[in-house]
């Protein structure tokens, strides 16, 4: 999700599956003022929902800009037959750790 997509999301007041976990954060006064301004602009969204949506958009964007670092191992070939090399940058580890934690959350929901 891109940050620009949040405006239409907030208009529609979408909902998703949430964990039981919560996180306490301290904001700068400028960020707190901006969140309060968004809450007034979109009164159907509370501050916590706005924070959740903004964090989701930021994490999606961060994931999309993680640097690809070409390794030496060929893992596939493209349509033209050119080799595609493994990514030895942070992305594969990040995705693996994300899946590990996602699996833990899904497993805990079943019990």
N, C-alpha and C. Protein backbone atom coordinates (compact mmCIF):
# COMPACT_ATOMS: atom_id res chain seq x y z
N UNK A 1 0.86 -1.18 0.00
CA UNK A 1 0.00 0.00 0.00
C UNK A 1 0.90 1.23 0.00
N UNK A 2 0.58 2.19 -0.82
CA UNK A 2 1.30 3.45 -0.89
C UNK A 2 0.63 4.47 0.02
N UNK A 3 1.43 5.41 0.49
CA UNK A 3 0.89 6.45 1.36
C UNK A 3 -0.26 7.17 0.68
N UNK A 4 -0.14 7.42 -0.62
CA UNK A 4 -1.21 8.15 -1.33
C UNK A 4 -2.52 7.37 -1.37
N UNK A 5 -2.44 6.05 -1.20
CA UNK A 5 -3.65 5.23 -1.20
C UNK A 5 -4.41 5.32 0.12
N UNK A 6 -3.75 5.83 1.14
CA UNK A 6 -4.40 5.91 2.44
C UNK A 6 -5.62 6.82 2.44
N UNK A 7 -5.56 7.88 1.69
CA UNK A 7 -6.69 8.81 1.69
C UNK A 7 -7.97 8.13 1.24
N UNK A 8 -7.89 7.34 0.18
CA UNK A 8 -9.11 6.64 -0.26
C UNK A 8 -9.47 5.53 0.72
N UNK A 9 -8.48 4.90 1.33
CA UNK A 9 -8.76 3.88 2.33
C UNK A 9 -9.52 4.48 3.51
N UNK A 10 -9.07 5.63 3.96
CA UNK A 10 -9.72 6.27 5.10
C UNK A 10 -11.13 6.70 4.76
N UNK A 11 -11.35 7.07 3.51
CA UNK A 11 -12.70 7.43 3.09
C UNK A 11 -13.62 6.22 3.19
N UNK A 12 -13.09 5.04 2.95
CA UNK A 12 -13.89 3.82 2.95
C UNK A 12 -13.90 3.12 4.30
N UNK A 13 -13.08 3.55 5.24
CA UNK A 13 -12.93 2.96 6.58
C UNK A 13 -12.77 1.44 6.52
N UNK A 14 -11.76 1.00 5.80
CA UNK A 14 -11.47 -0.43 5.70
C UNK A 14 -10.98 -0.98 7.04
N UNK A 15 -11.19 -2.27 7.23
CA UNK A 15 -10.74 -2.94 8.45
C UNK A 15 -9.95 -4.18 8.07
N UNK A 16 -9.08 -4.63 8.96
CA UNK A 16 -8.29 -5.83 8.73
C UNK A 16 -8.14 -6.61 10.01
N UNK A 17 -7.49 -7.76 9.93
CA UNK A 17 -7.25 -8.59 11.09
C UNK A 17 -6.14 -7.97 11.92
N UNK A 18 -6.38 -7.83 13.20
CA UNK A 18 -5.41 -7.22 14.10
C UNK A 18 -4.90 -8.23 15.11
N UNK A 19 -3.67 -8.03 15.57
CA UNK A 19 -3.12 -8.87 16.63
C UNK A 19 -3.60 -8.34 17.98
N UNK A 20 -3.38 -9.13 19.00
CA UNK A 20 -3.67 -8.68 20.35
C UNK A 20 -2.53 -7.80 20.88
N UNK A 21 -1.39 -7.80 20.18
CA UNK A 21 -0.24 -6.99 20.60
C UNK A 21 -0.53 -5.51 20.43
N UNK A 22 0.03 -4.73 21.33
CA UNK A 22 -0.04 -3.28 21.18
C UNK A 22 1.35 -2.72 21.45
N UNK A 23 1.61 -1.54 20.93
CA UNK A 23 2.92 -0.93 21.04
C UNK A 23 2.75 0.51 21.50
N UNK A 24 3.46 0.87 22.54
CA UNK A 24 3.44 2.25 23.02
C UNK A 24 4.51 3.02 22.27
N UNK A 25 4.14 4.16 21.73
CA UNK A 25 5.10 5.00 21.02
C UNK A 25 4.99 6.43 21.52
N UNK A 26 6.09 7.14 21.49
CA UNK A 26 6.09 8.56 21.82
C UNK A 26 6.38 9.30 20.52
N UNK A 27 5.57 10.29 20.25
CA UNK A 27 5.69 11.04 19.00
C UNK A 27 6.25 12.43 19.26
N UNK A 28 6.88 12.96 18.22
CA UNK A 28 7.27 14.37 18.30
C UNK A 28 5.98 15.20 18.30
N UNK A 29 6.05 16.42 18.77
CA UNK A 29 4.84 17.24 18.80
C UNK A 29 4.35 17.54 17.39
N UNK A 30 5.27 17.63 16.44
CA UNK A 30 4.85 17.87 15.06
C UNK A 30 4.07 16.67 14.52
N UNK A 31 4.57 15.45 14.76
CA UNK A 31 3.86 14.25 14.30
C UNK A 31 2.51 14.12 15.01
N UNK A 32 2.47 14.41 16.30
CA UNK A 32 1.20 14.36 17.03
C UNK A 32 0.21 15.36 16.45
N UNK A 33 0.68 16.55 16.13
CA UNK A 33 -0.19 17.56 15.53
C UNK A 33 -0.70 17.09 14.17
N UNK A 34 0.17 16.47 13.38
CA UNK A 34 -0.26 15.99 12.06
C UNK A 34 -1.28 14.87 12.19
N UNK A 35 -1.08 13.97 13.16
CA UNK A 35 -2.07 12.90 13.37
C UNK A 35 -3.42 13.47 13.80
N UNK A 36 -3.39 14.44 14.69
CA UNK A 36 -4.64 15.06 15.12
C UNK A 36 -5.33 15.79 13.97
N UNK A 37 -4.54 16.40 13.10
CA UNK A 37 -5.12 17.07 11.93
C UNK A 37 -5.80 16.04 11.02
N UNK A 38 -5.14 14.89 10.80
CA UNK A 38 -5.75 13.83 9.99
C UNK A 38 -7.02 13.30 10.64
N UNK A 39 -6.99 13.17 11.95
CA UNK A 39 -8.18 12.68 12.67
C UNK A 39 -9.35 13.64 12.51
N UNK A 40 -9.07 14.94 12.46
CA UNK A 40 -10.16 15.91 12.23
C UNK A 40 -10.63 15.86 10.79
N UNK A 41 -9.71 15.67 9.85
CA UNK A 41 -10.09 15.58 8.44
C UNK A 41 -10.89 14.32 8.15
N UNK A 42 -10.56 13.21 8.83
CA UNK A 42 -11.19 11.92 8.61
C UNK A 42 -11.75 11.41 9.94
N UNK A 43 -12.86 11.97 10.39
CA UNK A 43 -13.38 11.66 11.72
C UNK A 43 -13.84 10.22 11.90
N UNK A 44 -14.00 9.47 10.83
CA UNK A 44 -14.37 8.06 10.97
C UNK A 44 -13.18 7.19 11.33
N UNK A 45 -11.98 7.77 11.36
CA UNK A 45 -10.76 7.05 11.72
C UNK A 45 -10.23 7.60 13.04
N UNK A 46 -10.01 6.73 14.02
CA UNK A 46 -9.41 7.22 15.26
C UNK A 46 -7.89 7.27 15.11
N UNK A 47 -7.23 7.87 16.09
CA UNK A 47 -5.78 8.05 16.02
C UNK A 47 -5.06 6.71 15.85
N UNK A 48 -5.49 5.69 16.58
CA UNK A 48 -4.84 4.39 16.49
C UNK A 48 -4.97 3.79 15.09
N UNK A 49 -6.14 3.95 14.48
CA UNK A 49 -6.32 3.45 13.11
C UNK A 49 -5.43 4.20 12.14
N UNK A 50 -5.32 5.50 12.32
CA UNK A 50 -4.46 6.30 11.46
C UNK A 50 -3.00 5.84 11.60
N UNK A 51 -2.55 5.64 12.83
CA UNK A 51 -1.18 5.18 13.06
C UNK A 51 -0.97 3.82 12.39
N UNK A 52 -1.92 2.92 12.56
CA UNK A 52 -1.82 1.59 11.95
C UNK A 52 -1.72 1.69 10.44
N UNK A 53 -2.59 2.50 9.83
CA UNK A 53 -2.59 2.65 8.38
C UNK A 53 -1.29 3.28 7.88
N UNK A 54 -0.84 4.31 8.57
CA UNK A 54 0.40 4.97 8.17
C UNK A 54 1.59 4.04 8.32
N UNK A 55 1.63 3.26 9.38
CA UNK A 55 2.71 2.31 9.58
C UNK A 55 2.70 1.24 8.49
N UNK A 56 1.51 0.74 8.15
CA UNK A 56 1.40 -0.25 7.08
C UNK A 56 1.93 0.31 5.77
N UNK A 57 1.54 1.53 5.44
CA UNK A 57 2.01 2.15 4.20
C UNK A 57 3.52 2.35 4.22
N UNK A 58 4.06 2.77 5.35
CA UNK A 58 5.51 2.99 5.46
C UNK A 58 6.26 1.67 5.35
N UNK A 59 5.76 0.61 5.99
CA UNK A 59 6.42 -0.69 5.90
C UNK A 59 6.35 -1.24 4.48
N UNK A 60 5.22 -1.08 3.81
CA UNK A 60 5.10 -1.52 2.41
C UNK A 60 6.11 -0.79 1.53
N UNK A 61 6.20 0.52 1.73
CA UNK A 61 7.14 1.31 0.94
C UNK A 61 8.58 0.95 1.26
N UNK A 62 8.90 0.76 2.53
CA UNK A 62 10.24 0.38 2.94
C UNK A 62 10.63 -0.95 2.30
N UNK A 63 9.70 -1.89 2.29
CA UNK A 63 9.94 -3.20 1.69
C UNK A 63 10.22 -3.07 0.20
N UNK A 64 9.51 -2.18 -0.46
CA UNK A 64 9.67 -2.04 -1.91
C UNK A 64 10.98 -1.35 -2.30
N UNK A 65 11.60 -0.64 -1.39
CA UNK A 65 12.84 0.06 -1.72
C UNK A 65 14.08 -0.60 -1.10
N UNK A 66 13.90 -1.75 -0.47
CA UNK A 66 15.07 -2.46 0.07
C UNK A 66 16.02 -2.76 -1.09
N UNK A 67 17.31 -2.56 -0.85
CA UNK A 67 18.26 -2.74 -1.96
C UNK A 67 18.45 -4.21 -2.35
N UNK A 68 18.48 -4.42 -3.65
CA UNK A 68 18.82 -5.73 -4.20
C UNK A 68 20.33 -5.78 -4.30
N UNK A 69 20.91 -6.85 -3.77
CA UNK A 69 22.35 -7.05 -3.91
C UNK A 69 22.56 -8.38 -4.61
N UNK A 70 23.13 -8.29 -5.80
CA UNK A 70 23.31 -9.48 -6.63
C UNK A 70 24.35 -10.41 -6.04
N UNK A 71 23.96 -11.67 -5.90
CA UNK A 71 24.88 -12.70 -5.47
C UNK A 71 25.50 -13.38 -6.67
N UNK A 72 26.23 -14.45 -6.44
CA UNK A 72 26.90 -15.15 -7.54
C UNK A 72 26.09 -16.35 -8.05
N UNK A 73 25.08 -16.77 -7.28
CA UNK A 73 24.28 -17.95 -7.63
C UNK A 73 23.14 -17.58 -8.58
N UNK A 74 23.04 -18.28 -9.71
CA UNK A 74 21.93 -18.09 -10.64
C UNK A 74 20.74 -18.88 -10.11
N UNK A 75 19.60 -18.19 -9.94
CA UNK A 75 18.42 -18.85 -9.39
C UNK A 75 17.32 -19.06 -10.42
N UNK A 76 17.42 -18.38 -11.57
CA UNK A 76 16.41 -18.52 -12.62
C UNK A 76 16.93 -17.82 -13.87
N UNK A 77 16.13 -17.90 -14.92
CA UNK A 77 16.44 -17.21 -16.16
C UNK A 77 15.22 -16.43 -16.60
N UNK A 78 15.42 -15.22 -17.14
CA UNK A 78 14.30 -14.42 -17.59
C UNK A 78 13.82 -14.88 -18.96
N UNK A 79 12.84 -14.16 -19.53
CA UNK A 79 12.24 -14.55 -20.80
C UNK A 79 13.25 -14.59 -21.94
N UNK A 80 14.30 -13.78 -21.85
CA UNK A 80 15.32 -13.74 -22.90
C UNK A 80 16.43 -14.74 -22.65
N UNK A 81 16.34 -15.50 -21.58
CA UNK A 81 17.37 -16.49 -21.26
C UNK A 81 18.52 -15.93 -20.44
N UNK A 82 18.41 -14.67 -20.01
CA UNK A 82 19.46 -14.07 -19.21
C UNK A 82 19.34 -14.57 -17.77
N UNK A 83 20.48 -14.77 -17.11
CA UNK A 83 20.44 -15.28 -15.74
C UNK A 83 19.91 -14.25 -14.74
N UNK A 84 19.18 -14.74 -13.75
CA UNK A 84 18.74 -13.94 -12.61
C UNK A 84 19.49 -14.46 -11.40
N UNK A 85 20.13 -13.57 -10.68
CA UNK A 85 20.98 -13.96 -9.57
C UNK A 85 20.26 -13.80 -8.24
N UNK A 86 20.66 -14.62 -7.28
CA UNK A 86 20.08 -14.53 -5.95
C UNK A 86 20.32 -13.15 -5.36
N UNK A 87 19.42 -12.76 -4.49
CA UNK A 87 19.55 -11.49 -3.77
C UNK A 87 20.24 -11.81 -2.45
N UNK A 88 21.43 -11.24 -2.23
CA UNK A 88 22.16 -11.46 -0.99
C UNK A 88 22.06 -10.24 -0.07
N UNK A 89 21.18 -9.32 -0.41
CA UNK A 89 20.95 -8.13 0.41
C UNK A 89 20.03 -8.45 1.57
N UNK A 90 19.48 -7.44 2.22
CA UNK A 90 18.64 -7.65 3.40
C UNK A 90 17.24 -8.19 3.09
N UNK A 91 16.79 -8.06 1.85
CA UNK A 91 15.41 -8.43 1.52
C UNK A 91 15.07 -9.89 1.82
N UNK A 92 15.87 -10.87 1.36
CA UNK A 92 15.49 -12.26 1.65
C UNK A 92 15.41 -12.56 3.15
N UNK A 93 16.33 -12.04 3.92
CA UNK A 93 16.31 -12.27 5.37
C UNK A 93 15.09 -11.60 5.99
N UNK A 94 14.81 -10.37 5.56
CA UNK A 94 13.64 -9.65 6.07
C UNK A 94 12.35 -10.43 5.76
N UNK A 95 12.22 -10.90 4.52
CA UNK A 95 11.01 -11.64 4.13
C UNK A 95 10.90 -12.95 4.91
N UNK A 96 12.02 -13.63 5.14
CA UNK A 96 12.02 -14.86 5.91
C UNK A 96 11.60 -14.60 7.35
N UNK A 97 12.14 -13.55 7.95
CA UNK A 97 11.77 -13.20 9.32
C UNK A 97 10.30 -12.77 9.41
N UNK A 98 9.83 -12.06 8.40
CA UNK A 98 8.42 -11.67 8.36
C UNK A 98 7.54 -12.91 8.32
N UNK A 99 7.89 -13.88 7.49
CA UNK A 99 7.10 -15.12 7.41
C UNK A 99 7.14 -15.87 8.73
N UNK A 100 8.29 -15.89 9.40
CA UNK A 100 8.40 -16.56 10.70
C UNK A 100 7.42 -15.95 11.70
N UNK A 101 7.40 -14.63 11.77
CA UNK A 101 6.53 -13.97 12.73
C UNK A 101 5.06 -14.05 12.31
N UNK A 102 4.80 -14.00 11.02
CA UNK A 102 3.43 -14.14 10.53
C UNK A 102 2.90 -15.53 10.87
N UNK A 103 3.74 -16.54 10.70
CA UNK A 103 3.34 -17.91 11.04
C UNK A 103 3.04 -18.02 12.53
N UNK A 104 3.84 -17.38 13.36
CA UNK A 104 3.62 -17.40 14.81
C UNK A 104 2.27 -16.77 15.15
N UNK A 105 1.96 -15.63 14.50
CA UNK A 105 0.67 -14.98 14.76
C UNK A 105 -0.48 -15.85 14.31
N UNK A 106 -0.36 -16.46 13.14
CA UNK A 106 -1.43 -17.32 12.64
C UNK A 106 -1.61 -18.54 13.54
N UNK A 107 -0.51 -19.08 14.02
CA UNK A 107 -0.58 -20.25 14.91
C UNK A 107 -1.23 -19.90 16.24
N UNK A 108 -0.90 -18.73 16.76
CA UNK A 108 -1.49 -18.33 18.05
C UNK A 108 -2.97 -18.00 17.92
N UNK A 109 -3.43 -17.61 16.73
CA UNK A 109 -4.86 -17.34 16.51
C UNK A 109 -5.68 -18.63 16.54
N UNK A 110 -5.04 -19.75 16.22
CA UNK A 110 -5.75 -21.03 16.16
C UNK A 110 -5.89 -21.68 17.53
N UNK A 111 -5.27 -21.10 18.53
CA UNK A 111 -5.32 -21.69 19.87
C UNK A 111 -5.96 -20.79 20.86
